[in-house]
Amino acid sequence: MLELAEQVLKIVGGSSKLAFLTLPGDDPKLRRPDINLAAAALGWAQACGLKTV
């Protein structure tokens, strides 16, 4: 996610800065999204990767 955020800032320019905040106590420590569920339910498929500038 950090790489994606850095790429967005680089592309859009401006004076925005990334902020690193302490996680809330109830925030999950591990996230493992499964894009296969979206593919099956919506007929979705990844078309491209992250473009590097």
C-alpha atoms as a PDB file:
ATOM      1  CA  MET A   1       0.000   0.000   0.000  1.00  0.00           C
ATOM      2  CA  LEU A   2       2.872   2.332   0.702  1.00  0.00           C
ATOM      3  CA  GLU A   3       4.179   1.900  -2.851  1.00  0.00           C
ATOM      4  CA  LEU A   4       0.720   2.646  -4.273  1.00  0.00           C
ATOM      5  CA  ALA A   5       0.327   5.750  -2.104  1.00  0.00           C
ATOM      6  CA  GLU A   6       3.772   6.997  -3.153  1.00  0.00           C
ATOM      7  CA  GLN A   7       2.941   6.462  -6.840  1.00  0.00           C
ATOM      8  CA  VAL A   8      -0.339   8.384  -6.478  1.00  0.00           C
ATOM      9  CA  LEU A   9       1.423  11.312  -4.820  1.00  0.00           C
ATOM     10  CA  LYS A  10       4.079  11.309  -7.534  1.00  0.00           C
ATOM     11  CA  ILE A  11       1.476  11.319 -10.329  1.00  0.00           C
ATOM     12  CA  VAL A  12      -0.859  13.975  -8.890  1.00  0.00           C
ATOM     13  CA  GLY A  13       1.849  16.203  -7.453  1.00  0.00           C
ATOM     14  CA  GLY A  14       0.893  18.827  -4.918  1.00  0.00           C
ATOM     15  CA  SER A  15       1.938  19.233  -1.327  1.00  0.00           C
ATOM     16  CA  SER A  16       0.182  16.206   0.204  1.00  0.00           C
ATOM     17  CA  LYS A  17       2.202  14.118   2.650  1.00  0.00           C
ATOM     18  CA  LEU A  18       1.693  10.572   3.892  1.00  0.00           C
ATOM     19  CA  ALA A  19       0.710  10.247   7.543  1.00  0.00           C
ATOM     20  CA  PHE A  20       1.552   7.179   9.616  1.00  0.00           C
ATOM     21  CA  LEU A  21      -0.885   6.864  12.522  1.00  0.00           C
ATOM     22  CA  THR A  22      -1.235   4.379  15.361  1.00  0.00           C
ATOM     23  CA  LEU A  23      -3.780   1.667  14.605  1.00  0.00           C
ATOM     24  CA  PRO A  24      -6.984   1.554  16.644  1.00  0.00           C
ATOM     25  CA  GLY A  25      -7.156  -1.287  19.177  1.00  0.00           C
ATOM     26  CA  ASP A  26      -9.853  -3.165  17.230  1.00  0.00           C
ATOM     27  CA  ASP A  27      -8.054  -2.961  13.865  1.00  0.00           C
ATOM     28  CA  PRO A  28      -7.224  -6.401  12.393  1.00  0.00           C
ATOM     29  CA  LYS A  29      -3.468  -7.065  12.348  1.00  0.00           C
ATOM     30  CA  LEU A  30      -3.655  -9.188   9.184  1.00  0.00           C
ATOM     31  CA  ARG A  31      -5.785  -8.643   6.109  1.00  0.00           C
ATOM     32  CA  ARG A  32      -6.020 -11.258   3.403  1.00  0.00           C
ATOM     33  CA  PRO A  33      -8.583 -10.182   0.812  1.00  0.00           C
ATOM     34  CA  ASP A  34      -9.530 -12.851  -1.694  1.00  0.00           C
ATOM     35  CA  ILE A  35     -10.086 -11.349  -5.169  1.00  0.00           C
ATOM     36  CA  ASN A  36     -11.240 -14.766  -6.386  1.00  0.00           C
ATOM     37  CA  LEU A  37     -14.590 -14.029  -4.713  1.00  0.00           C
ATOM     38  CA  ALA A  38     -15.011 -10.902  -6.867  1.00  0.00           C
ATOM     39  CA  ALA A  39     -13.975 -12.825  -9.964  1.00  0.00           C
ATOM     40  CA  ALA A  40     -16.561 -15.528  -9.347  1.00  0.00           C
ATOM     41  CA  ALA A  41     -19.427 -13.268  -8.243  1.00  0.00           C
ATOM     42  CA  LEU A  42     -18.949 -10.426 -10.739  1.00  0.00           C
ATOM     43  CA  GLY A  43     -17.141 -12.018 -13.642  1.00  0.00           C
ATOM     44  CA  TRP A  44     -14.245  -9.673 -12.830  1.00  0.00           C
ATOM     45  CA  ALA A  45     -10.634 -10.196 -13.851  1.00  0.00           C
ATOM     46  CA  GLN A  46      -7.525  -8.158 -13.174  1.00  0.00           C
ATOM     47  CA  ALA A  47      -6.551  -6.416 -16.404  1.00  0.00           C
ATOM     48  CA  CYS A  48      -3.269  -4.736 -15.519  1.00  0.00           C
ATOM     49  CA  GLY A  49      -0.752  -4.154 -12.780  1.00  0.00           C
ATOM     50  CA  LEU A  50       0.432  -1.014 -11.053  1.00  0.00           C
ATOM     51  CA  LYS A  51       1.964   1.398 -13.542  1.00  0.00           C
ATOM     52  CA  THR A  52       5.291   2.792 -12.449  1.00  0.00           C
ATOM     53  CA  VAL A  53       6.212   6.286 -13.495  1.00  0.00           C
END
